[in-house]
Amino acid sequence: SYNPNDIVINNVTLYNYKRDFIDLQNVIVEMNIFCDLFNEGITCSVIVTDTDALIERMPIIGAERLQISFKVPARDASKTHVLNFAVVSIKHRQRTQARMDTYVINGASGEIVNNYHRAVYKTYHDLTPNAIVSAIYNQYLKTEYSNHPLKMTECAKDTMYYIGAGHTPFQAIEYVAKNTKSAKYRSSSYLFFETFDNWNYAPIDELFVADSVEDYYHGYTNLE
């Protein structure tokens, strides 16, 4: 989590299938972006206070895209993160005042949505695990608005054989990850996950030895 002013929000924009758009930045009460090593893909929730009937002006029919652009100056003031989310639901709509509605817009990376709608039946043989994961990502998961490229910094050794039997793309990649042997690290616990910068396929050992990106302090608060 971040404190106020730790993040500079450039824009929060809702697009429909016609690419018409509504700027939501001035009506947002709260915004959360969830990123997890052990859950594929990034999700978000945006709490909106609506006095202009925004979702009536742009009816939500299941083909909308939420774009969030922001900076984290403490980490890199020159870098702008642009994340695109498929709108997956609008929940908890309440009339809080006369002519004012509050509701939550939930979004997920397009790859998460594609994962639920696509199945892998293709056979991959005599390919490295990296090549199989890359092929599955590009053929079944990648979208027009994918946030990031796929990053692989450690080359797995050996080739393998995978027969698609109707698994979801994430299940197929999970199978490959469990059977991938690292050429560099003794432990071969591979992860497939999304960050603000990349989709990643990497052994967890590589993350342990990488440079830290944040300082974390554990202690008790509100003690005198």
Protein backbone atom coordinates (compact mmCIF):
# COMPACT_ATOMS: atom_id res chain seq x y z
CA SER A 1 0.00 0.00 0.00
CA TYR A 2 1.04 3.61 -0.49
CA ASN A 3 0.49 6.81 1.44
CA PRO A 4 -1.19 9.90 -0.06
CA ASN A 5 1.01 11.61 -2.65
CA ASP A 6 3.15 8.47 -3.08
CA ILE A 7 1.34 7.93 -6.39
CA VAL A 8 0.55 10.52 -9.03
CA ILE A 9 -2.53 9.54 -11.06
CA ASN A 10 -2.44 10.88 -14.61
CA ASN A 11 -5.80 9.55 -15.78
CA VAL A 12 -8.47 6.94 -15.18
CA THR A 13 -10.51 6.46 -18.34
CA LEU A 14 -13.39 4.14 -19.22
CA TYR A 15 -13.65 3.10 -22.89
CA ASN A 16 -16.51 1.26 -24.60
CA TYR A 17 -16.37 -1.00 -27.64
CA LYS A 18 -16.71 2.04 -29.93
CA ARG A 19 -13.73 3.61 -28.16
CA ASP A 20 -15.90 6.38 -26.79
CA PHE A 21 -14.60 7.29 -23.37
CA ILE A 22 -15.43 8.89 -20.02
CA ASP A 23 -12.85 10.44 -17.70
CA LEU A 24 -13.41 9.05 -14.20
CA GLN A 25 -10.54 10.71 -12.39
CA ASN A 26 -12.65 13.38 -10.67
CA VAL A 27 -15.33 10.96 -9.45
CA ILE A 28 -13.08 8.31 -7.90
CA VAL A 29 -13.30 7.82 -4.14
CA GLU A 30 -10.89 4.91 -3.87
CA MET A 31 -8.75 2.84 -6.22
CA ASN A 32 -7.02 -0.48 -5.57
CA ILE A 33 -4.67 -2.42 -7.83
CA PHE A 34 -3.85 -5.99 -6.84
CA CYS A 35 -0.62 -7.64 -7.97
CA ASP A 36 0.43 -11.05 -6.63
CA LEU A 37 3.28 -13.43 -7.41
CA PHE A 38 1.02 -16.43 -6.88
CA ASN A 39 -2.05 -15.24 -8.81
CA GLU A 40 -1.68 -14.70 -12.55
CA GLY A 41 -2.62 -11.25 -13.73
CA ILE A 42 -3.37 -7.88 -12.17
CA THR A 43 -6.85 -6.88 -11.00
CA CYS A 44 -8.30 -3.59 -9.84
CA SER A 45 -11.30 -2.07 -8.11
CA VAL A 46 -12.39 1.55 -8.49
CA ILE A 47 -15.02 3.09 -6.22
CA VAL A 48 -16.95 5.83 -8.00
CA THR A 49 -19.39 8.50 -6.82
CA ASP A 50 -21.61 9.22 -9.82
CA THR A 51 -23.86 12.28 -10.06
CA ASP A 52 -24.11 12.30 -13.86
CA ALA A 53 -25.49 8.81 -14.59
CA LEU A 54 -22.22 7.83 -16.25
CA ILE A 55 -23.02 4.15 -16.68
CA GLU A 56 -26.37 5.05 -18.22
CA ARG A 57 -24.66 7.34 -20.72
CA MET A 58 -22.21 4.55 -21.51
CA PRO A 59 -24.06 1.29 -20.82
CA ILE A 60 -21.82 -1.51 -19.55
CA ILE A 61 -22.33 -4.47 -21.89
CA GLY A 62 -19.16 -6.47 -21.26
CA ALA A 63 -16.74 -5.00 -23.79
CA GLU A 64 -15.44 -2.06 -21.79
CA ARG A 65 -11.84 -1.22 -20.95
CA LEU A 66 -10.56 0.73 -17.97
CA GLN A 67 -7.21 2.47 -18.46
CA ILE A 68 -5.23 3.70 -15.46
CA SER A 69 -2.09 5.79 -15.91
CA PHE A 70 0.07 6.72 -12.93
CA LYS A 71 3.58 7.38 -11.63
CA VAL A 72 5.37 6.32 -8.44
CA PRO A 73 7.81 9.24 -7.97
CA ALA A 74 9.65 7.66 -5.04
CA ARG A 75 10.65 4.76 -7.29
CA ASP A 76 11.13 6.51 -10.66
CA ALA A 77 9.68 9.98 -11.26
CA SER A 78 10.22 9.74 -15.01
CA LYS A 79 8.37 6.45 -15.54
CA THR A 80 4.66 6.29 -16.31
CA HIS A 81 2.75 3.05 -15.79
CA VAL A 82 -0.21 2.51 -18.11
CA LEU A 83 -2.46 -0.42 -17.19
CA ASN A 84 -5.44 -1.62 -19.21
CA PHE A 85 -8.16 -3.68 -17.53
CA ALA A 86 -11.17 -5.43 -18.95
CA VAL A 87 -14.24 -4.38 -16.95
CA VAL A 88 -15.59 -7.60 -15.44
CA SER A 89 -18.32 -6.31 -13.14
CA ILE A 90 -19.99 -3.35 -11.48
CA LYS A 91 -21.06 -4.13 -7.93
CA HIS A 92 -22.46 -2.62 -4.74
CA ARG A 93 -24.41 0.10 -6.47
CA GLN A 94 -26.16 2.29 -3.91
CA ARG A 95 -28.08 5.56 -3.96
CA THR A 96 -26.15 7.50 -1.30
CA GLN A 97 -27.71 10.91 -1.88
CA ALA A 98 -30.31 12.42 -4.16
CA ARG A 99 -28.99 11.96 -7.70
CA MET A 100 -25.76 10.37 -6.44
CA ASP A 101 -24.87 6.71 -6.89
CA THR A 102 -21.84 4.92 -5.50
CA TYR A 103 -20.58 1.70 -7.07
CA VAL A 104 -17.45 -0.39 -7.60
CA ILE A 105 -15.98 -1.03 -11.05
CA ASN A 106 -13.93 -4.24 -11.03
CA GLY A 107 -11.32 -4.87 -13.70
CA ALA A 108 -8.85 -7.58 -14.65
CA SER A 109 -5.99 -7.92 -17.11
CA GLY A 110 -7.24 -9.02 -20.53
CA GLU A 111 -5.18 -12.18 -20.16
CA ILE A 112 -7.30 -13.22 -17.18
CA VAL A 113 -10.47 -12.85 -19.26
CA ASN A 114 -8.95 -14.76 -22.20
CA ASN A 115 -7.94 -17.54 -19.82
CA TYR A 116 -11.59 -18.23 -18.98
CA HIS A 117 -12.67 -18.31 -22.62
CA ARG A 118 -9.91 -20.28 -24.32
CA ALA A 119 -8.60 -23.84 -24.15
CA VAL A 120 -5.25 -25.29 -25.23
CA TYR A 121 -5.48 -28.35 -27.48
CA LYS A 122 -2.20 -27.90 -29.32
CA THR A 123 0.76 -30.25 -28.89
CA TYR A 124 4.23 -28.84 -28.24
CA HIS A 125 7.23 -31.15 -28.59
CA ASP A 126 11.00 -30.81 -28.51
CA LEU A 127 10.77 -27.22 -27.31
CA THR A 128 12.24 -25.58 -24.24
CA PRO A 129 9.75 -24.70 -21.50
CA ASN A 130 10.44 -21.03 -22.21
CA ALA A 131 9.43 -21.50 -25.84
CA ILE A 132 6.22 -23.35 -24.88
CA VAL A 133 5.19 -20.68 -22.34
CA SER A 134 5.92 -17.95 -24.88
CA ALA A 135 3.85 -19.71 -27.55
CA ILE A 136 0.88 -20.25 -25.22
CA TYR A 137 0.99 -16.65 -24.04
CA ASN A 138 1.13 -15.20 -27.55
CA GLN A 139 -1.51 -17.48 -29.06
CA TYR A 140 -4.05 -17.77 -26.25
CA LEU A 141 -3.57 -14.96 -23.73
CA LYS A 142 -2.16 -11.83 -25.33
CA THR A 143 -4.71 -9.13 -26.18
CA GLU A 144 -4.78 -5.98 -28.26
CA TYR A 145 -4.39 -3.99 -25.05
CA SER A 146 -1.94 -6.24 -23.23
CA ASN A 147 -0.09 -4.19 -20.66
CA HIS A 148 3.33 -5.75 -20.98
CA PRO A 149 5.60 -8.04 -22.95
CA LEU A 150 6.55 -11.46 -21.62
CA LYS A 151 9.92 -11.39 -19.85
CA MET A 152 12.17 -14.42 -19.37
CA THR A 153 15.59 -13.69 -17.93
CA GLU A 154 16.65 -17.25 -17.07
CA CYS A 155 16.84 -19.92 -19.74
CA ALA A 156 15.49 -23.28 -18.61
CA LYS A 157 17.51 -26.33 -19.62
CA ASP A 158 16.32 -29.33 -21.61
CA THR A 159 13.32 -29.65 -23.90
CA MET A 160 9.95 -31.10 -23.02
CA TYR A 161 6.73 -32.47 -24.49
CA TYR A 162 3.30 -31.02 -23.71
CA ILE A 163 -0.02 -32.27 -25.07
CA GLY A 164 -2.88 -29.79 -24.77
CA ALA A 165 -5.98 -31.54 -23.48
CA GLY A 166 -8.37 -28.64 -23.14
CA HIS A 167 -6.65 -27.00 -20.21
CA THR A 168 -6.96 -23.26 -19.75
CA PRO A 169 -3.82 -21.36 -20.81
CA PHE A 170 -2.93 -20.68 -17.17
CA GLN A 171 -3.31 -24.37 -16.32
CA ALA A 172 -1.10 -25.30 -19.28
CA ILE A 173 1.58 -22.83 -18.20
CA GLU A 174 1.33 -24.09 -14.61
CA TYR A 175 1.94 -27.65 -15.84
CA VAL A 176 4.98 -26.52 -17.82
CA ALA A 177 6.26 -24.55 -14.81
CA LYS A 178 6.06 -27.60 -12.56
CA ASN A 179 8.15 -29.58 -15.03
CA THR A 180 10.73 -26.92 -15.83
CA LYS A 181 14.29 -27.44 -14.62
CA SER A 182 16.42 -24.39 -14.16
CA ALA A 183 19.82 -24.31 -15.81
CA LYS A 184 21.18 -22.03 -13.08
CA TYR A 185 19.34 -22.66 -9.81
CA ARG A 186 19.00 -25.91 -7.88
CA SER A 187 15.37 -25.26 -7.05
CA SER A 188 13.13 -25.27 -10.10
CA SER A 189 10.06 -23.54 -8.67
CA TYR A 190 8.92 -21.43 -11.61
CA LEU A 191 6.27 -18.74 -11.42
CA PHE A 192 4.17 -17.03 -14.09
CA PHE A 193 2.94 -13.63 -12.94
CA GLU A 194 2.28 -10.03 -13.96
CA THR A 195 3.83 -6.89 -12.49
CA PHE A 196 3.43 -3.23 -13.42
CA ASP A 197 6.24 -3.72 -15.96
CA ASN A 198 6.08 -7.25 -17.39
CA TRP A 199 4.52 -10.65 -17.56
CA ASN A 200 7.22 -12.85 -16.06
CA TYR A 201 8.22 -16.49 -16.24
CA ALA A 202 11.05 -17.03 -13.78
CA PRO A 203 12.33 -19.33 -11.04
CA ILE A 204 11.57 -18.06 -7.56
CA ASP A 205 15.29 -18.31 -6.69
CA GLU A 206 15.99 -15.61 -9.24
CA LEU A 207 13.61 -13.30 -7.38
CA PHE A 208 15.37 -14.00 -4.09
CA VAL A 209 18.75 -12.83 -5.40
CA ALA A 210 17.41 -9.84 -7.36
CA ASP A 211 17.74 -6.30 -6.05
CA SER A 212 14.93 -5.17 -3.77
CA VAL A 213 12.50 -2.59 -5.13
CA GLU A 214 10.94 -1.44 -1.85
CA ASP A 215 11.97 -1.19 1.80
CA TYR A 216 9.75 -3.11 4.19
CA TYR A 217 9.80 -2.54 7.94
CA HIS A 218 8.09 -4.87 10.38
CA GLY A 219 7.18 -3.51 13.78
CA TYR A 220 4.46 -2.45 16.15
CA THR A 221 2.64 0.82 15.60
CA ASN A 222 0.85 3.25 17.92
CA LEU A 223 3.04 2.37 20.89
CA GLU A 224 4.18 5.07 23.29
